[in-house]
Amino acid sequence: MDSPAGRLERLLLGVILPLIFLISIVFINDDLIVKECTNGLCNNYLLVILLIVLTGLLCLLLVILKYTDILNGWFSKEVDSEMLDRLEKEYLEADVANLGSSWAKMEIGHLESKHEEE
């Protein structure tokens, strides 16, 4: 099992590598023609620039995901089995059956501290 961050890294690599391959083919062959030029105005390179910017942003996202903890709130680096164990433990702690005993323990602690003050 893998972490959500690991799966996102694989997804980003799967998108970035074909984009780099596409951009390199466009530069080698110079064959990216979206529409013909009219009156000397061509917008064909706008698409290439957009692909380069998109690839750069995805590479930046990949680097941020891999080497920093900024995106941990969205994509956890915790392995799925550990996350499942932690969530089951939290579920059992928050169970309604234990609510009465937890409340009673908190009340006893509060009353004891209040008696100590008096």
Protein backbone atom coordinates (compact mmCIF):
# COMPACT_ATOMS: atom_id res chain seq x y z
CA MET A 1 0.00 0.00 0.00
CA ASP A 2 1.12 3.51 -0.74
CA SER A 3 0.42 6.98 0.54
CA PRO A 4 -1.82 9.50 -1.25
CA ALA A 5 1.24 11.70 -1.82
CA GLY A 6 3.06 8.78 -3.47
CA ARG A 7 0.14 8.13 -5.79
CA LEU A 8 0.00 11.82 -6.72
CA GLU A 9 3.74 11.79 -7.48
CA ARG A 10 3.25 8.89 -9.88
CA LEU A 11 0.30 10.67 -11.50
CA LEU A 12 2.28 13.88 -11.93
CA LEU A 13 5.19 11.99 -13.47
CA GLY A 14 2.76 10.25 -15.80
CA VAL A 15 1.49 13.63 -16.99
CA ILE A 16 4.80 15.53 -17.03
CA LEU A 17 6.81 13.01 -19.07
CA PRO A 18 4.37 12.91 -22.03
CA LEU A 19 4.14 16.71 -21.97
CA ILE A 20 7.94 16.99 -22.14
CA PHE A 21 7.94 14.45 -24.97
CA LEU A 22 5.24 16.43 -26.83
CA ILE A 23 7.10 19.71 -26.39
CA SER A 24 10.36 18.19 -27.62
CA ILE A 25 8.65 16.78 -30.73
CA VAL A 26 7.12 20.18 -31.44
CA PHE A 27 10.51 21.90 -31.20
CA ILE A 28 12.32 19.27 -33.25
CA ASN A 29 9.81 19.10 -36.11
CA ASP A 30 8.23 22.55 -35.76
CA ASP A 31 4.99 20.90 -36.84
CA LEU A 32 2.49 22.24 -34.33
CA ILE A 33 0.02 24.06 -36.54
CA VAL A 34 -3.28 24.73 -34.87
CA LYS A 35 -4.47 27.11 -37.57
CA GLU A 36 -2.95 28.74 -40.58
CA CYS A 37 -1.38 32.17 -40.29
CA THR A 38 -3.51 35.03 -41.55
CA ASN A 39 -2.04 38.42 -42.36
CA GLY A 40 1.26 37.48 -40.77
CA LEU A 41 -0.26 36.77 -37.35
CA CYS A 42 0.33 33.29 -35.93
CA ASN A 43 -0.94 31.96 -32.62
CA ASN A 44 0.72 28.58 -33.00
CA TYR A 45 3.47 29.31 -30.50
CA LEU A 46 0.94 30.37 -27.89
CA LEU A 47 -0.04 26.71 -27.47
CA VAL A 48 3.61 25.69 -27.09
CA ILE A 49 4.16 28.40 -24.48
CA LEU A 50 1.05 27.21 -22.63
CA LEU A 51 2.35 23.62 -22.66
CA ILE A 52 5.73 24.76 -21.34
CA VAL A 53 4.12 26.81 -18.55
CA LEU A 54 1.81 23.92 -17.64
CA THR A 55 4.74 21.51 -17.53
CA GLY A 56 6.74 23.93 -15.39
CA LEU A 57 3.88 24.34 -12.93
CA LEU A 58 3.38 20.58 -12.68
CA CYS A 59 7.13 20.11 -12.11
CA LEU A 60 7.03 22.77 -9.39
CA LEU A 61 4.07 21.01 -7.77
CA LEU A 62 5.96 17.72 -7.89
CA VAL A 63 9.04 19.24 -6.23
CA ILE A 64 6.92 20.94 -3.55
CA LEU A 65 5.08 17.69 -2.88
CA LYS A 66 8.25 15.61 -2.67
CA TYR A 67 10.56 17.86 -0.64
CA THR A 68 8.32 20.02 1.56
CA ASP A 69 5.39 19.56 3.92
CA ILE A 70 3.26 22.37 2.50
CA LEU A 71 0.72 20.05 0.85
CA ASN A 72 0.43 17.57 3.74
CA GLY A 73 -2.99 18.96 4.59
CA TRP A 74 -4.30 17.82 1.21
CA PHE A 75 -2.10 14.85 0.35
CA SER A 76 -0.90 12.87 3.34
CA LYS A 77 2.49 11.18 3.25
CA GLU A 78 1.23 8.65 5.79
CA VAL A 79 1.07 5.08 4.48
CA ASP A 80 -2.47 3.76 4.03
CA SER A 81 -2.13 0.95 6.59
CA GLU A 82 -0.87 3.36 9.27
CA MET A 83 -3.64 5.81 8.42
CA LEU A 84 -6.25 3.07 8.69
CA ASP A 85 -4.91 1.97 12.09
CA ARG A 86 -4.88 5.55 13.35
CA LEU A 87 -8.43 6.21 12.13
CA GLU A 88 -9.73 2.99 13.70
CA LYS A 89 -8.10 3.97 17.00
CA GLU A 90 -9.69 7.44 16.84
CA TYR A 91 -13.04 5.86 15.99
CA LEU A 92 -12.86 3.56 19.00
CA GLU A 93 -11.89 6.45 21.27
CA ALA A 94 -14.81 8.52 20.02
CA ASP A 95 -17.33 5.67 20.27
CA VAL A 96 -20.66 6.54 21.87
CA ALA A 97 -20.40 3.60 24.31
CA ASN A 98 -17.24 5.11 25.80
CA LEU A 99 -18.71 8.58 25.91
CA GLY A 100 -20.30 8.08 29.34
CA SER A 101 -17.12 6.78 30.93
CA SER A 102 -15.00 9.51 29.35
CA TRP A 103 -17.45 12.12 30.56
CA ALA A 104 -17.45 10.63 34.05
CA LYS A 105 -13.64 10.60 34.19
CA MET A 106 -13.54 14.24 33.12
CA GLU A 107 -16.19 15.14 35.72
CA ILE A 108 -14.29 13.30 38.50
CA GLY A 109 -11.10 15.11 37.56
CA HIS A 110 -12.90 18.45 37.61
CA LEU A 111 -14.53 17.78 40.98
CA GLU A 112 -11.26 16.60 42.51
CA SER A 113 -9.45 19.72 41.36
CA LYS A 114 -12.29 21.86 42.71
CA HIS A 115 -12.12 20.11 46.13
CA GLU A 116 -8.37 20.59 46.27
CA GLU A 117 -8.84 24.33 45.78
CA GLU A 118 -11.29 24.54 48.69
